């Protein structure tokens, strides 16, 4: 994922200023991430309650896979062009991605009960809060843990693709539990990475704004993927 380019010259601020910069940047990141989750939830609810749109998604696979393709395209475009985009445009693309994600998430209501979805969301939020607080406050370097988590994530993705053809329940559950651990680790690692990155942004407001949007996208993806993995375990099927 591309991040806004770091200024070549930057005078290190005092410890108090560093802490203020870090808190301000992380606050903006969480603000964007929260907005993304709200947009996703609203889009999912509006799609589910609109019978015409909901039935169109269910009855036409091309529409559903087109939405998934649109999500992937938006992430790729945002990641590849964020340095050339204005901050408001980058924010709009992020919000659009979150909305498309919500539209596709509406189909989860056909598989799981509403109560279990809400409970799983609450568990995910609590887990995310604990791990992001750990990532922000710990003095331990989480780089090695992050590298292991990324390698494990690649394994999870490959195993998931293979299991589409094998449809093996054992692989499904191994992938699920490993995936939960992977995204829990990534939440802490990505939070620490963003905290450290905040000090490299200098005084360039546009760079900091775009970096906060990309940081929000990173944590948003961690949250959403952890939610989906936990839903496999905690979700009560209809």
Protein backbone atom coordinates (compact mmCIF):
# COMPACT_ATOMS: atom_id res chain seq x y z
CA UNK A 1 0.00 0.00 0.00
CA UNK A 2 1.44 3.39 -0.96
CA UNK A 3 1.62 6.12 1.65
CA UNK A 4 2.15 9.83 1.13
CA UNK A 5 5.80 10.56 0.52
CA UNK A 6 7.91 11.55 3.50
CA UNK A 7 9.59 14.97 3.45
CA UNK A 8 13.35 14.69 2.98
CA UNK A 9 14.19 17.23 5.69
CA UNK A 10 12.49 17.24 9.04
CA UNK A 11 13.67 18.59 12.37
CA UNK A 12 12.86 16.23 15.23
CA UNK A 13 10.37 17.86 17.63
CA UNK A 14 10.53 17.69 21.39
CA UNK A 15 9.03 14.73 23.26
CA UNK A 16 5.90 16.68 24.20
CA UNK A 17 5.41 17.85 20.63
CA UNK A 18 5.98 14.33 19.32
CA UNK A 19 3.29 12.98 21.62
CA UNK A 20 0.89 15.71 20.53
CA UNK A 21 1.59 15.01 16.84
CA UNK A 22 1.08 11.28 17.34
CA UNK A 23 -2.19 11.68 19.22
CA UNK A 24 -3.52 14.18 16.70
CA UNK A 25 -2.66 11.97 13.74
CA UNK A 26 -4.06 8.79 15.32
CA UNK A 27 -7.23 10.70 16.26
CA UNK A 28 -7.70 11.68 12.60
CA UNK A 29 -7.06 8.09 11.53
CA UNK A 30 -9.69 6.77 13.95
CA UNK A 31 -12.08 9.49 12.86
CA UNK A 32 -11.84 8.41 9.23
CA UNK A 33 -12.06 4.75 10.19
CA UNK A 34 -15.16 5.36 12.31
CA UNK A 35 -16.73 7.26 9.42
CA UNK A 36 -15.99 4.29 7.16
CA UNK A 37 -17.67 1.84 9.55
CA UNK A 38 -20.71 4.11 9.88
CA UNK A 39 -20.99 4.40 6.09
CA UNK A 40 -20.67 0.61 5.74
CA UNK A 41 -23.35 -0.05 8.37
CA UNK A 42 -25.70 2.54 6.83
CA UNK A 43 -25.21 1.16 3.31
CA UNK A 44 -25.83 -2.40 4.50
CA UNK A 45 -29.02 -1.36 6.31
CA UNK A 46 -30.36 0.70 3.40
CA UNK A 47 -29.61 -2.11 0.93
CA UNK A 48 -31.29 -4.73 3.12
CA UNK A 49 -34.40 -2.59 3.59
CA UNK A 50 -34.70 -1.73 -0.12
CA UNK A 51 -36.35 -4.81 -1.56
CA UNK A 52 -35.69 -3.95 -5.19
CA UNK A 53 -31.93 -3.41 -4.76
CA UNK A 54 -31.55 -6.33 -2.37
CA UNK A 55 -33.33 -8.75 -4.70
CA UNK A 56 -31.30 -7.49 -7.67
CA UNK A 57 -28.05 -8.31 -5.85
CA UNK A 58 -29.32 -11.73 -4.82
CA UNK A 59 -30.76 -12.68 -8.19
CA UNK A 60 -27.86 -11.54 -10.38
CA UNK A 61 -24.37 -12.81 -9.60
CA UNK A 62 -22.88 -10.38 -12.10
CA UNK A 63 -24.09 -7.48 -9.96
CA UNK A 64 -22.68 -9.01 -6.77
CA UNK A 65 -19.30 -9.85 -8.29
CA UNK A 66 -19.28 -6.47 -10.01
CA UNK A 67 -19.61 -4.82 -6.60
CA UNK A 68 -16.74 -6.92 -5.26
CA UNK A 69 -14.66 -5.97 -8.28
CA UNK A 70 -15.51 -2.32 -7.73
CA UNK A 71 -14.30 -2.55 -4.13
CA UNK A 72 -11.00 -4.09 -5.19
CA UNK A 73 -10.54 -1.49 -7.92
CA UNK A 74 -11.16 1.38 -5.50
CA UNK A 75 -8.57 0.06 -3.04
CA UNK A 76 -6.01 -0.37 -5.82
CA UNK A 77 -6.67 3.09 -7.26
CA UNK A 78 -6.55 4.76 -3.85
CA UNK A 79 -3.34 2.98 -2.88
CA UNK A 80 -1.60 3.65 -6.20
CA UNK A 81 -2.62 7.28 -6.73
CA UNK A 82 -2.99 8.73 -3.23
CA UNK A 83 0.16 10.86 -3.62
CA UNK A 84 -1.36 12.56 -6.67
CA UNK A 85 -4.88 12.97 -5.30
CA UNK A 86 -6.21 15.89 -3.31
CA UNK A 87 -7.08 14.90 0.27
CA UNK A 88 -10.87 15.44 -0.23
CA UNK A 89 -10.82 13.16 -3.30
CA UNK A 90 -8.95 10.47 -1.37
CA UNK A 91 -11.52 10.77 1.43
CA UNK A 92 -14.37 10.47 -1.07
CA UNK A 93 -12.87 7.30 -2.58
CA UNK A 94 -12.49 5.81 0.88
CA UNK A 95 -16.13 6.60 1.72
CA UNK A 96 -17.25 5.13 -1.61
CA UNK A 97 -15.32 1.94 -0.89
CA UNK A 98 -16.91 1.70 2.55
CA UNK A 99 -20.36 2.16 0.98
CA UNK A 100 -19.81 -0.59 -1.60
CA UNK A 101 -18.57 -2.84 1.18
CA UNK A 102 -21.80 -2.20 3.07
CA UNK A 103 -23.91 -3.07 0.03
CA UNK A 104 -22.20 -6.46 -0.31
CA UNK A 105 -22.35 -7.03 3.46
CA UNK A 106 -26.14 -6.83 3.31
CA UNK A 107 -26.22 -10.46 2.14
CA UNK A 108 -24.83 -11.56 5.52
CA UNK A 109 -28.32 -11.07 6.93
CA UNK A 110 -29.46 -14.06 4.89
CA UNK A 111 -26.84 -16.31 6.47
CA UNK A 112 -26.66 -15.09 10.08
CA UNK A 113 -29.22 -13.75 12.53
CA UNK A 114 -29.26 -10.04 13.21
CA UNK A 115 -28.53 -10.52 16.92
CA UNK A 116 -25.43 -12.62 16.27
CA UNK A 117 -24.14 -10.06 13.75
CA UNK A 118 -24.50 -7.29 16.34
CA UNK A 119 -22.85 -9.40 19.06
CA UNK A 120 -19.95 -10.24 16.75
CA UNK A 121 -19.56 -6.58 15.85
CA UNK A 122 -19.37 -5.73 19.56
CA UNK A 123 -16.76 -8.42 20.20
CA UNK A 124 -14.77 -7.19 17.21
CA UNK A 125 -14.93 -3.58 18.45
CA UNK A 126 -13.75 -4.56 21.93
CA UNK A 127 -10.91 -6.68 20.55
CA UNK A 128 -9.91 -3.92 18.16
CA UNK A 129 -9.92 -1.36 20.98
CA UNK A 130 -7.72 -3.50 23.21
CA UNK A 131 -5.18 -4.33 20.49
CA UNK A 132 -4.96 -0.84 19.07
CA UNK A 133 -4.40 0.54 22.59
CA UNK A 134 -1.66 -2.04 23.06
CA UNK A 135 -0.08 -1.10 19.73
CA UNK A 136 -0.15 2.59 20.60
CA UNK A 137 1.22 2.32 24.15
CA UNK A 138 3.66 -0.61 24.07
CA UNK A 139 7.40 0.09 24.04
CA UNK A 140 8.04 -3.28 22.40
CA UNK A 141 8.96 -3.26 18.71
CA UNK A 142 6.18 -5.14 16.90
CA UNK A 143 7.95 -5.24 13.53
CA UNK A 144 8.84 -8.93 13.79
CA UNK A 145 5.30 -9.82 14.87
CA UNK A 146 3.93 -7.79 11.96
CA UNK A 147 6.19 -9.58 9.48
CA UNK A 148 5.05 -12.96 10.78
CA UNK A 149 1.41 -11.86 10.63
CA UNK A 150 1.79 -10.73 7.02
CA UNK A 151 3.37 -14.04 6.02
CA UNK A 152 0.61 -15.93 7.84
CA UNK A 153 -1.97 -13.77 6.05
CA UNK A 154 -0.57 -14.84 2.69
CA UNK A 155 -0.90 -18.45 3.83
CA UNK A 156 -4.49 -17.84 4.93
CA UNK A 157 -5.36 -16.32 1.55
CA UNK A 158 -3.79 -19.19 -0.38
CA UNK A 159 -5.47 -21.81 1.81
CA UNK A 160 -8.82 -20.04 1.38
CA UNK A 161 -8.49 -20.10 -2.41
CA UNK A 162 -7.51 -23.78 -2.41
CA UNK A 163 -10.42 -24.64 -0.13
CA UNK A 164 -12.88 -23.12 -2.60
CA UNK A 165 -12.22 -26.23 -4.69
CA UNK A 166 -11.64 -28.74 -1.88
CA UNK A 167 -14.48 -27.55 0.39
CA UNK A 168 -12.73 -29.20 3.35
CA UNK A 169 -14.27 -28.33 6.76
CA UNK A 170 -10.96 -28.88 8.58
CA UNK A 171 -9.15 -26.39 6.34
CA UNK A 172 -12.06 -23.96 6.72
CA UNK A 173 -11.79 -23.91 10.52
CA UNK A 174 -7.97 -23.84 10.56
CA UNK A 175 -8.06 -20.83 8.23
CA UNK A 176 -10.70 -19.19 10.42
CA UNK A 177 -8.83 -19.46 13.72
CA UNK A 178 -5.46 -18.63 12.20
CA UNK A 179 -7.08 -15.67 10.45
CA UNK A 180 -8.45 -14.37 13.76
CA UNK A 181 -4.96 -14.47 15.29
CA UNK A 182 -3.43 -12.86 12.21
CA UNK A 183 -5.77 -9.87 12.19
CA UNK A 184 -5.51 -9.39 15.95
CA UNK A 185 -1.74 -9.16 15.51
CA UNK A 186 -2.04 -6.85 12.50
CA UNK A 187 -4.21 -4.40 14.43
CA UNK A 188 -1.48 -3.88 17.03
CA UNK A 189 1.30 -3.80 14.43
CA UNK A 190 -0.47 -1.37 12.08
CA UNK A 191 -1.32 0.94 14.98
CA UNK A 192 2.32 1.11 16.08
CA UNK A 193 3.42 1.62 12.46
CA UNK A 194 1.00 4.53 12.06
CA UNK A 195 2.12 6.04 15.37
CA UNK A 196 5.73 6.02 14.22
CA UNK A 197 4.87 7.23 10.74
CA UNK A 198 3.11 10.29 12.16
CA UNK A 199 6.48 11.78 13.17
CA UNK A 200 7.79 11.61 9.59
CA UNK A 201 5.02 13.70 8.06
CA UNK A 202 6.46 17.12 8.91
CA UNK A 203 4.29 20.20 8.61
CA UNK A 204 2.69 19.30 5.28
CA UNK A 205 -1.05 19.29 6.03
CA UNK A 206 -2.00 17.63 2.74
CA UNK A 207 0.47 14.80 3.29
CA UNK A 208 -0.77 14.24 6.85
CA UNK A 209 -4.41 14.29 5.75
CA UNK A 210 -3.85 11.73 3.00
CA UNK A 211 -1.73 9.59 5.31
CA UNK A 212 -4.54 9.58 7.87
CA UNK A 213 -6.99 8.37 5.20
CA UNK A 214 -4.66 5.56 4.13
CA UNK A 215 -4.06 4.68 7.77
CA UNK A 216 -7.81 4.55 8.31
CA UNK A 217 -8.17 2.24 5.30
CA UNK A 218 -5.53 -0.09 6.76
CA UNK A 219 -7.22 -0.31 10.16
CA UNK A 220 -10.67 -0.50 8.55
CA UNK A 221 -9.57 -3.56 6.57
CA UNK A 222 -8.11 -5.13 9.73
CA UNK A 223 -11.40 -4.52 11.55
CA UNK A 224 -13.62 -5.82 8.75
CA UNK A 225 -11.58 -8.97 8.18
CA UNK A 226 -11.46 -9.73 11.91
CA UNK A 227 -15.24 -9.24 12.03
CA UNK A 228 -15.78 -11.68 9.17
CA UNK A 229 -13.52 -14.30 10.76
CA UNK A 230 -15.21 -13.94 14.15
CA UNK A 231 -18.61 -14.14 12.50
CA UNK A 232 -17.76 -17.64 11.29
CA UNK A 233 -17.28 -18.66 14.94
CA UNK A 234 -19.84 -16.52 16.78
CA UNK A 235 -22.49 -16.09 14.08
CA UNK A 236 -25.71 -18.02 14.51
CA UNK A 237 -26.92 -19.29 11.17
CA UNK A 238 -30.52 -18.95 10.11
